[in-house]
Amino acid sequence: VHQWSIMGGQATLMKGIAQELSDKGFQAVTFDMRGVGRSNGRATITGTDEIEDVKAVCKWTHENLNSDLVVLGSSAGAPIAGSAVEE
């Protein structure tokens, strides 16, 4: 989960981490949260909608890649990722 969208966060900032994981044999998924790149919606200040976005990506990943998940976040993406997992 990338840094806070309002502060310039985007999926490409997670590309290096995703590549390292992929090189070690893990499937890695990155995505732009709402209001970033081609993603719909608007970024929020509270992160509550972004938590729902992360949960939706986790559901899609589990259903389509048939894989266990580890959710990783950077900067403000870390508490968003943690909150999504907690729910």
PDB file of N, CA and C in Angstrom:
ATOM      1  N   VAL A   1       0.867  -1.168   0.000  1.00  0.00           N
ATOM      2  CA  VAL A   1       0.000   0.000   0.000  1.00  0.00           C
ATOM      3  C   VAL A   1       0.912   1.228   0.000  1.00  0.00           C
ATOM      4  N   HIS A   2       0.718   2.078  -0.999  1.00  0.00           N
ATOM      5  CA  HIS A   2       1.607   3.233  -1.130  1.00  0.00           C
ATOM      6  C   HIS A   2       1.297   4.341  -0.130  1.00  0.00           C
ATOM      7  N   GLN A   3       2.172   5.307  -0.121  1.00  0.00           N
ATOM      8  CA  GLN A   3       2.043   6.450   0.771  1.00  0.00           C
ATOM      9  C   GLN A   3       0.746   7.205   0.503  1.00  0.00           C
ATOM     10  N   TRP A   4       0.425   8.092   1.394  1.00  0.00           N
ATOM     11  CA  TRP A   4      -0.795   8.867   1.338  1.00  0.00           C
ATOM     12  C   TRP A   4      -0.943   9.563  -0.005  1.00  0.00           C
ATOM     13  N   SER A   5      -2.060   9.356  -0.646  1.00  0.00           N
ATOM     14  CA  SER A   5      -2.320   9.900  -1.980  1.00  0.00           C
ATOM     15  C   SER A   5      -2.192  11.412  -2.022  1.00  0.00           C
ATOM     16  N   ILE A   6      -2.693  12.063  -1.006  1.00  0.00           N
ATOM     17  CA  ILE A   6      -2.683  13.524  -0.966  1.00  0.00           C
ATOM     18  C   ILE A   6      -1.252  14.062  -0.947  1.00  0.00           C
ATOM     19  N   MET A   7      -0.318  13.274  -0.473  1.00  0.00           N
ATOM     20  CA  MET A   7       1.087  13.694  -0.407  1.00  0.00           C
ATOM     21  C   MET A   7       1.905  13.146  -1.582  1.00  0.00           C
ATOM     22  N   GLY A   8       1.233  12.683  -2.624  1.00  0.00           N
ATOM     23  CA  GLY A   8       1.937  12.215  -3.809  1.00  0.00           C
ATOM     24  C   GLY A   8       2.165  10.724  -3.896  1.00  0.00           C
ATOM     25  N   GLY A   9       1.558   9.968  -3.003  1.00  0.00           N
ATOM     26  CA  GLY A   9       1.709   8.514  -3.046  1.00  0.00           C
ATOM     27  C   GLY A   9       1.117   7.915  -4.310  1.00  0.00           C
ATOM     28  N   GLN A  10       1.766   6.883  -4.821  1.00  0.00           N
ATOM     29  CA  GLN A  10       1.283   6.172  -6.008  1.00  0.00           C
ATOM     30  C   GLN A  10       1.930   4.796  -6.065  1.00  0.00           C
ATOM     31  N   ALA A  11       1.306   3.902  -6.826  1.00  0.00           N
ATOM     32  CA  ALA A  11       1.768   2.517  -6.888  1.00  0.00           C
ATOM     33  C   ALA A  11       3.208   2.399  -7.363  1.00  0.00           C
ATOM     34  N   THR A  12       3.634   3.279  -8.255  1.00  0.00           N
ATOM     35  CA  THR A  12       4.998   3.169  -8.783  1.00  0.00           C
ATOM     36  C   THR A  12       6.053   3.313  -7.692  1.00  0.00           C
ATOM     37  N   LEU A  13       5.699   3.950  -6.578  1.00  0.00           N
ATOM     38  CA  LEU A  13       6.647   4.080  -5.473  1.00  0.00           C
ATOM     39  C   LEU A  13       6.897   2.740  -4.774  1.00  0.00           C
ATOM     40  N   MET A  14       6.016   1.781  -4.993  1.00  0.00           N
ATOM     41  CA  MET A  14       6.154   0.454  -4.392  1.00  0.00           C
ATOM     42  C   MET A  14       6.789  -0.548  -5.360  1.00  0.00           C
ATOM     43  N   LYS A  15       7.118  -0.099  -6.557  1.00  0.00           N
ATOM     44  CA  LYS A  15       7.621  -0.997  -7.601  1.00  0.00           C
ATOM     45  C   LYS A  15       8.903  -1.718  -7.185  1.00  0.00           C
ATOM     46  N   GLY A  16       9.820  -1.024  -6.549  1.00  0.00           N
ATOM     47  CA  GLY A  16      11.084  -1.646  -6.141  1.00  0.00           C
ATOM     48  C   GLY A  16      10.874  -2.773  -5.146  1.00  0.00           C
ATOM     49  N   ILE A  17      10.028  -2.549  -4.159  1.00  0.00           N
ATOM     50  CA  ILE A  17       9.726  -3.587  -3.169  1.00  0.00           C
ATOM     51  C   ILE A  17       9.038  -4.759  -3.849  1.00  0.00           C
ATOM     52  N   ALA A  18       8.077  -4.452  -4.723  1.00  0.00           N
ATOM     53  CA  ALA A  18       7.349  -5.512  -5.434  1.00  0.00           C
ATOM     54  C   ALA A  18       8.305  -6.337  -6.293  1.00  0.00           C
ATOM     55  N   GLN A  19       9.248  -5.688  -6.939  1.00  0.00           N
ATOM     56  CA  GLN A  19      10.204  -6.392  -7.784  1.00  0.00           C
ATOM     57  C   GLN A  19      11.102  -7.312  -6.955  1.00  0.00           C
ATOM     58  N   GLU A  20      11.555  -6.829  -5.814  1.00  0.00           N
ATOM     59  CA  GLU A  20      12.386  -7.650  -4.924  1.00  0.00           C
ATOM     60  C   GLU A  20      11.621  -8.898  -4.468  1.00  0.00           C
ATOM     61  N   LEU A  21      10.361  -8.713  -4.109  1.00  0.00           N
ATOM     62  CA  LEU A  21       9.549  -9.858  -3.688  1.00  0.00           C
ATOM     63  C   LEU A  21       9.347 -10.834  -4.840  1.00  0.00           C
ATOM     64  N   SER A  22       9.083 -10.295  -6.019  1.00  0.00           N
ATOM     65  CA  SER A  22       8.900 -11.129  -7.206  1.00  0.00           C
ATOM     66  C   SER A  22      10.172 -11.910  -7.526  1.00  0.00           C
ATOM     67  N   ASP A  23      11.300 -11.247  -7.415  1.00  0.00           N
ATOM     68  CA  ASP A  23      12.584 -11.916  -7.673  1.00  0.00           C
ATOM     69  C   ASP A  23      12.828 -13.080  -6.719  1.00  0.00           C
ATOM     70  N   LYS A  24      12.216 -13.014  -5.545  1.00  0.00           N
ATOM     71  CA  LYS A  24      12.370 -14.078  -4.542  1.00  0.00           C
ATOM     72  C   LYS A  24      11.246 -15.120  -4.641  1.00  0.00           C
ATOM     73  N   GLY A  25      10.429 -15.023  -5.692  1.00  0.00           N
ATOM     74  CA  GLY A  25       9.414 -16.041  -5.949  1.00  0.00           C
ATOM     75  C   GLY A  25       8.021 -15.744  -5.435  1.00  0.00           C
ATOM     76  N   PHE A  26       7.816 -14.559  -4.893  1.00  0.00           N
ATOM     77  CA  PHE A  26       6.494 -14.186  -4.402  1.00  0.00           C
ATOM     78  C   PHE A  26       5.719 -13.464  -5.497  1.00  0.00           C
ATOM     79  N   GLN A  27       4.392 -13.646  -5.502  1.00  0.00           N
ATOM     80  CA  GLN A  27       3.551 -12.845  -6.379  1.00  0.00           C
ATOM     81  C   GLN A  27       3.338 -11.498  -5.692  1.00  0.00           C
ATOM     82  N   ALA A  28       3.534 -10.413  -6.407  1.00  0.00           N
ATOM     83  CA  ALA A  28       3.391  -9.085  -5.823  1.00  0.00           C
ATOM     84  C   ALA A  28       2.379  -8.278  -6.630  1.00  0.00           C
ATOM     85  N   VAL A  29       1.500  -7.596  -5.912  1.00  0.00           N
ATOM     86  CA  VAL A  29       0.472  -6.772  -6.541  1.00  0.00           C
ATOM     87  C   VAL A  29       0.610  -5.357  -5.994  1.00  0.00           C
ATOM     88  N   THR A  30       0.688  -4.386  -6.884  1.00  0.00           N
ATOM     89  CA  THR A  30       0.644  -2.986  -6.472  1.00  0.00           C
ATOM     90  C   THR A  30      -0.575  -2.350  -7.134  1.00  0.00           C
ATOM     91  N   PHE A  31      -1.071  -1.293  -6.553  1.00  0.00           N
ATOM     92  CA  PHE A  31      -2.238  -0.611  -7.113  1.00  0.00           C
ATOM     93  C   PHE A  31      -2.241   0.838  -6.655  1.00  0.00           C
ATOM     94  N   ASP A  32      -2.885   1.680  -7.438  1.00  0.00           N
ATOM     95  CA  ASP A  32      -3.096   3.068  -7.052  1.00  0.00           C
ATOM     96  C   ASP A  32      -4.363   3.155  -6.227  1.00  0.00           C
ATOM     97  N   MET A  33      -4.262   3.777  -5.071  1.00  0.00           N
ATOM     98  CA  MET A  33      -5.457   3.978  -4.262  1.00  0.00           C
ATOM     99  C   MET A  33      -6.343   5.045  -4.910  1.00  0.00           C
ATOM    100  N   ARG A  34      -7.529   5.196  -4.384  1.00  0.00           N
ATOM    101  CA  ARG A  34      -8.518   6.093  -4.971  1.00  0.00           C
ATOM    102  C   ARG A  34      -7.952   7.491  -5.231  1.00  0.00           C
ATOM    103  N   GLY A  35      -8.327   8.003  -6.404  1.00  0.00           N
ATOM    104  CA  GLY A  35      -7.914   9.346  -6.785  1.00  0.00           C
ATOM    105  C   GLY A  35      -6.503   9.458  -7.321  1.00  0.00           C
ATOM    106  N   VAL A  36      -5.828   8.340  -7.525  1.00  0.00           N
ATOM    107  CA  VAL A  36      -4.457   8.344  -8.022  1.00  0.00           C
ATOM    108  C   VAL A  36      -4.418   7.597  -9.350  1.00  0.00           C
ATOM    109  N   GLY A  37      -3.685   8.128 -10.313  1.00  0.00           N
ATOM    110  CA  GLY A  37      -3.575   7.465 -11.608  1.00  0.00           C
ATOM    111  C   GLY A  37      -4.943   7.295 -12.240  1.00  0.00           C
ATOM    112  N   ARG A  38      -5.241   6.070 -12.664  1.00  0.00           N
ATOM    113  CA  ARG A  38      -6.532   5.798 -13.301  1.00  0.00           C
ATOM    114  C   ARG A  38      -7.587   5.303 -12.311  1.00  0.00           C
ATOM    115  N   SER A  39      -7.286   5.350 -11.014  1.00  0.00           N
ATOM    116  CA  SER A  39      -8.253   4.916 -10.011  1.00  0.00           C
ATOM    117  C   SER A  39      -9.347   5.959  -9.840  1.00  0.00           C
ATOM    118  N   ASN A  40     -10.568   5.470  -9.644  1.00  0.00           N
ATOM    119  CA  ASN A  40     -11.714   6.349  -9.421  1.00  0.00           C
ATOM    120  C   ASN A  40     -11.706   6.890  -8.007  1.00  0.00           C
ATOM    121  N   GLY A  41     -12.583   7.842  -7.774  1.00  0.00           N
ATOM    122  CA  GLY A  41     -12.795   8.355  -6.426  1.00  0.00           C
ATOM    123  C   GLY A  41     -11.848   9.477  -6.077  1.00  0.00           C
ATOM    124  N   ARG A  42     -11.958   9.892  -4.836  1.00  0.00           N
ATOM    125  CA  ARG A  42     -11.112  10.962  -4.305  1.00  0.00           C
ATOM    126  C   ARG A  42     -10.442  10.477  -3.036  1.00  0.00           C
ATOM    127  N   ALA A  43      -9.214  10.876  -2.854  1.00  0.00           N
ATOM    128  CA  ALA A  43      -8.487  10.517  -1.635  1.00  0.00           C
ATOM    129  C   ALA A  43      -9.184  11.148  -0.432  1.00  0.00           C
ATOM    130  N   THR A  44      -9.149  10.458   0.699  1.00  0.00           N
ATOM    131  CA  THR A  44      -9.746  10.992   1.918  1.00  0.00           C
ATOM    132  C   THR A  44      -8.656  11.401   2.901  1.00  0.00           C
ATOM    133  N   ILE A  45      -9.038  12.184   3.854  1.00  0.00           N
ATOM    134  CA  ILE A  45      -8.090  12.609   4.888  1.00  0.00           C
ATOM    135  C   ILE A  45      -7.988  11.552   5.979  1.00  0.00           C
ATOM    136  N   THR A  46      -9.081  10.837   6.231  1.00  0.00           N
ATOM    137  CA  THR A  46      -9.108   9.863   7.324  1.00  0.00           C
ATOM    138  C   THR A  46      -8.556   8.501   6.943  1.00  0.00           C
ATOM    139  N   GLY A  47      -8.555   8.172   5.655  1.00  0.00           N
ATOM    140  CA  GLY A  47      -8.068   6.868   5.211  1.00  0.00           C
ATOM    141  C   GLY A  47      -9.105   5.765   5.278  1.00  0.00           C
ATOM    142  N   THR A  48     -10.325   6.061   5.753  1.00  0.00           N
ATOM    143  CA  THR A  48     -11.323   5.008   5.910  1.00  0.00           C
ATOM    144  C   THR A  48     -11.737   4.399   4.571  1.00  0.00           C
ATOM    145  N   ASP A  49     -11.903   5.219   3.555  1.00  0.00           N
ATOM    146  CA  ASP A  49     -12.262   4.677   2.240  1.00  0.00           C
ATOM    147  C   ASP A  49     -11.101   3.896   1.637  1.00  0.00           C
ATOM    148  N   GLU A  50      -9.885   4.352   1.894  1.00  0.00           N
ATOM    149  CA  GLU A  50      -8.713   3.645   1.400  1.00  0.00           C
ATOM    150  C   GLU A  50      -8.585   2.265   2.039  1.00  0.00           C
ATOM    151  N   ILE A  51      -8.982   2.139   3.296  1.00  0.00           N
ATOM    152  CA  ILE A  51      -8.984   0.823   3.951  1.00  0.00           C
ATOM    153  C   ILE A  51      -9.903  -0.127   3.195  1.00  0.00           C
ATOM    154  N   GLU A  52     -11.066   0.369   2.805  1.00  0.00           N
ATOM    155  CA  GLU A  52     -12.001  -0.453   2.029  1.00  0.00           C
ATOM    156  C   GLU A  52     -11.390  -0.834   0.686  1.00  0.00           C
ATOM    157  N   ASP A  53     -10.639   0.084   0.079  1.00  0.00           N
ATOM    158  CA  ASP A  53      -9.969  -0.218  -1.188  1.00  0.00           C
ATOM    159  C   ASP A  53      -8.963  -1.353  -1.011  1.00  0.00           C
ATOM    160  N   VAL A  54      -8.175  -1.285   0.051  1.00  0.00           N
ATOM    161  CA  VAL A  54      -7.181  -2.334   0.312  1.00  0.00           C
ATOM    162  C   VAL A  54      -7.875  -3.672   0.533  1.00  0.00           C
ATOM    163  N   LYS A  55      -8.964  -3.673   1.275  1.00  0.00           N
ATOM    164  CA  LYS A  55      -9.709  -4.908   1.492  1.00  0.00           C
ATOM    165  C   LYS A  55     -10.221  -5.479   0.167  1.00  0.00           C
ATOM    166  N   ALA A  56     -10.671  -4.612  -0.726  1.00  0.00           N
ATOM    167  CA  ALA A  56     -11.159  -5.076  -2.033  1.00  0.00           C
ATOM    168  C   ALA A  56     -10.021  -5.671  -2.861  1.00  0.00           C
ATOM    169  N   VAL A  57      -8.845  -5.051  -2.823  1.00  0.00           N
ATOM    170  CA  VAL A  57      -7.692  -5.586  -3.563  1.00  0.00           C
ATOM    171  C   VAL A  57      -7.270  -6.923  -2.963  1.00  0.00           C
ATOM    172  N   CYS A  58      -7.298  -7.037  -1.642  1.00  0.00           N
ATOM    173  CA  CYS A  58      -6.959  -8.313  -0.999  1.00  0.00           C
ATOM    174  C   CYS A  58      -7.938  -9.404  -1.418  1.00  0.00           C
ATOM    175  N   LYS A  59      -9.218  -9.074  -1.451  1.00  0.00           N
ATOM    176  CA  LYS A  59     -10.220 -10.056  -1.866  1.00  0.00           C
ATOM    177  C   LYS A  59      -9.979 -10.479  -3.310  1.00  0.00           C
ATOM    178  N   TRP A  60      -9.745  -9.511  -4.195  1.00  0.00           N
ATOM    179  CA  TRP A  60      -9.495  -9.825  -5.605  1.00  0.00           C
ATOM    180  C   TRP A  60      -8.251 -10.699  -5.747  1.00  0.00           C
ATOM    181  N   THR A  61      -7.189 -10.331  -5.035  1.00  0.00           N
ATOM    182  CA  THR A  61      -5.934 -11.077  -5.118  1.00  0.00           C
ATOM    183  C   THR A  61      -6.126 -12.516  -4.653  1.00  0.00           C
ATOM    184  N   HIS A  62      -6.798 -12.686  -3.532  1.00  0.00           N
ATOM    185  CA  HIS A  62      -7.028 -14.037  -3.004  1.00  0.00           C
ATOM    186  C   HIS A  62      -7.860 -14.873  -3.978  1.00  0.00           C
ATOM    187  N   GLU A  63      -8.903 -14.271  -4.551  1.00  0.00           N
ATOM    188  CA  GLU A  63      -9.787 -15.008  -5.462  1.00  0.00           C
ATOM    189  C   GLU A  63      -9.137 -15.297  -6.812  1.00  0.00           C
ATOM    190  N   ASN A  64      -8.315 -14.387  -7.308  1.00  0.00           N
ATOM    191  CA  ASN A  64      -7.764 -14.527  -8.657  1.00  0.00           C
ATOM    192  C   ASN A  64      -6.366 -15.134  -8.706  1.00  0.00           C
ATOM    193  N   LEU A  65      -5.605 -14.984  -7.655  1.00  0.00           N
ATOM    194  CA  LEU A  65      -4.256 -15.552  -7.638  1.00  0.00           C
ATOM    195  C   LEU A  65      -4.188 -16.795  -6.760  1.00  0.00           C
ATOM    196  N   ASN A  66      -5.282 -17.081  -6.050  1.00  0.00           N
ATOM    197  CA  ASN A  66      -5.359 -18.265  -5.208  1.00  0.00           C
ATOM    198  C   ASN A  66      -4.111 -18.403  -4.345  1.00  0.00           C
ATOM    199  N   SER A  67      -3.849 -17.357  -3.584  1.00  0.00           N
ATOM    200  CA  SER A  67      -2.606 -17.303  -2.832  1.00  0.00           C
ATOM    201  C   SER A  67      -2.853 -16.722  -1.441  1.00  0.00           C
ATOM    202  N   ASP A  68      -2.032 -17.137  -0.484  1.00  0.00           N
ATOM    203  CA  ASP A  68      -2.043 -16.476   0.817  1.00  0.00           C
ATOM    204  C   ASP A  68      -1.521 -15.059   0.631  1.00  0.00           C
ATOM    205  N   LEU A  69      -1.854 -14.174   1.561  1.00  0.00           N
ATOM    206  CA  LEU A  69      -1.509 -12.764   1.408  1.00  0.00           C
ATOM    207  C   LEU A  69      -0.631 -12.249   2.531  1.00  0.00           C
ATOM    208  N   VAL A  70       0.257 -11.368   2.169  1.00  0.00           N
ATOM    209  CA  VAL A  70       0.976 -10.513   3.108  1.00  0.00           C
ATOM    210  C   VAL A  70       0.726  -9.103   2.595  1.00  0.00           C
ATOM    211  N   VAL A  71       0.228  -8.238   3.459  1.00  0.00           N
ATOM    212  CA  VAL A  71      -0.064  -6.865   3.054  1.00  0.00           C
ATOM    213  C   VAL A  71       1.044  -5.977   3.607  1.00  0.00           C
ATOM    214  N   LEU A  72       1.639  -5.194   2.730  1.00  0.00           N
ATOM    215  CA  LEU A  72       2.773  -4.349   3.081  1.00  0.00           C
ATOM    216  C   LEU A  72       2.440  -2.907   2.747  1.00  0.00           C
ATOM    217  N   GLY A  73       2.710  -2.006   3.664  1.00  0.00           N
ATOM    218  CA  GLY A  73       2.464  -0.596   3.415  1.00  0.00           C
ATOM    219  C   GLY A  73       3.685   0.230   3.734  1.00  0.00           C
ATOM    220  N   SER A  74       3.808   1.355   3.042  1.00  0.00           N
ATOM    221  CA  SER A  74       4.913   2.273   3.255  1.00  0.00           C
ATOM    222  C   SER A  74       4.372   3.610   3.734  1.00  0.00           C
ATOM    223  N   SER A  75       5.014   4.190   4.725  1.00  0.00           N
ATOM    224  CA  SER A  75       4.631   5.486   5.265  1.00  0.00           C
ATOM    225  C   SER A  75       3.177   5.433   5.722  1.00  0.00           C
ATOM    226  N   ALA A  76       2.336   6.334   5.261  1.00  0.00           N
ATOM    227  CA  ALA A  76       0.928   6.327   5.675  1.00  0.00           C
ATOM    228  C   ALA A  76       0.194   5.092   5.153  1.00  0.00           C
ATOM    229  N   GLY A  77       0.763   4.400   4.178  1.00  0.00           N
ATOM    230  CA  GLY A  77       0.162   3.161   3.689  1.00  0.00           C
ATOM    231  C   GLY A  77       0.250   2.033   4.699  1.00  0.00           C
ATOM    232  N   ALA A  78       1.207   2.124   5.634  1.00  0.00           N
ATOM    233  CA  ALA A  78       1.369   1.066   6.640  1.00  0.00           C
ATOM    234  C   ALA A  78       0.165   0.979   7.583  1.00  0.00           C
ATOM    235  N   PRO A  79      -0.298   2.089   8.186  1.00  0.00           N
ATOM    236  CA  PRO A  79      -1.474   1.954   9.053  1.00  0.00           C
ATOM    237  C   PRO A  79      -2.749   1.641   8.268  1.00  0.00           C
ATOM    238  N   ILE A  80      -2.820   2.081   7.013  1.00  0.00           N
ATOM    239  CA  ILE A  80      -3.978   1.732   6.177  1.00  0.00           C
ATOM    240  C   ILE A  80      -3.972   0.232   5.935  1.00  0.00           C
ATOM    241  N   ALA A  81      -2.800  -0.314   5.594  1.00  0.00           N
ATOM    242  CA  ALA A  81      -2.683  -1.767   5.381  1.00  0.00           C
ATOM    243  C   ALA A  81      -3.022  -2.529   6.652  1.00  0.00           C
ATOM    244  N   GLY A  82      -2.473  -2.081   7.781  1.00  0.00           N
ATOM    245  CA  GLY A  82      -2.738  -2.748   9.051  1.00  0.00           C
ATOM    246  C   GLY A  82      -4.201  -2.708   9.432  1.00  0.00           C
ATOM    247  N   SER A  83      -4.840  -1.577   9.199  1.00  0.00           N
ATOM    248  CA  SER A  83      -6.265  -1.461   9.510  1.00  0.00           C
ATOM    249  C   SER A  83      -7.104  -2.372   8.630  1.00  0.00           C
ATOM    250  N   ALA A  84      -6.722  -2.512   7.377  1.00  0.00           N
ATOM    251  CA  ALA A  84      -7.453  -3.403   6.465  1.00  0.00           C
ATOM    252  C   ALA A  84      -7.335  -4.844   6.928  1.00  0.00           C
ATOM    253  N   VAL A  85      -6.162  -5.237   7.358  1.00  0.00           N
ATOM    254  CA  VAL A  85      -5.947  -6.609   7.823  1.00  0.00           C
ATOM    255  C   VAL A  85      -6.702  -6.854   9.122  1.00  0.00           C
ATOM    256  N   GLU A  86      -6.718  -5.862   9.986  1.00  0.00           N
ATOM    257  CA  GLU A  86      -7.388  -5.996  11.273  1.00  0.00           C
ATOM    258  C   GLU A  86      -8.881  -6.253  11.096  1.00  0.00           C
ATOM    259  N   GLU A  87      -9.468  -5.635  10.070  1.00  0.00           N
ATOM    260  CA  GLU A  87     -10.904  -5.818   9.828  1.00  0.00           C
ATOM    261  C   GLU A  87     -11.135  -7.150   9.174  1.00  0.00           C
TER     262      GLU A  87
END
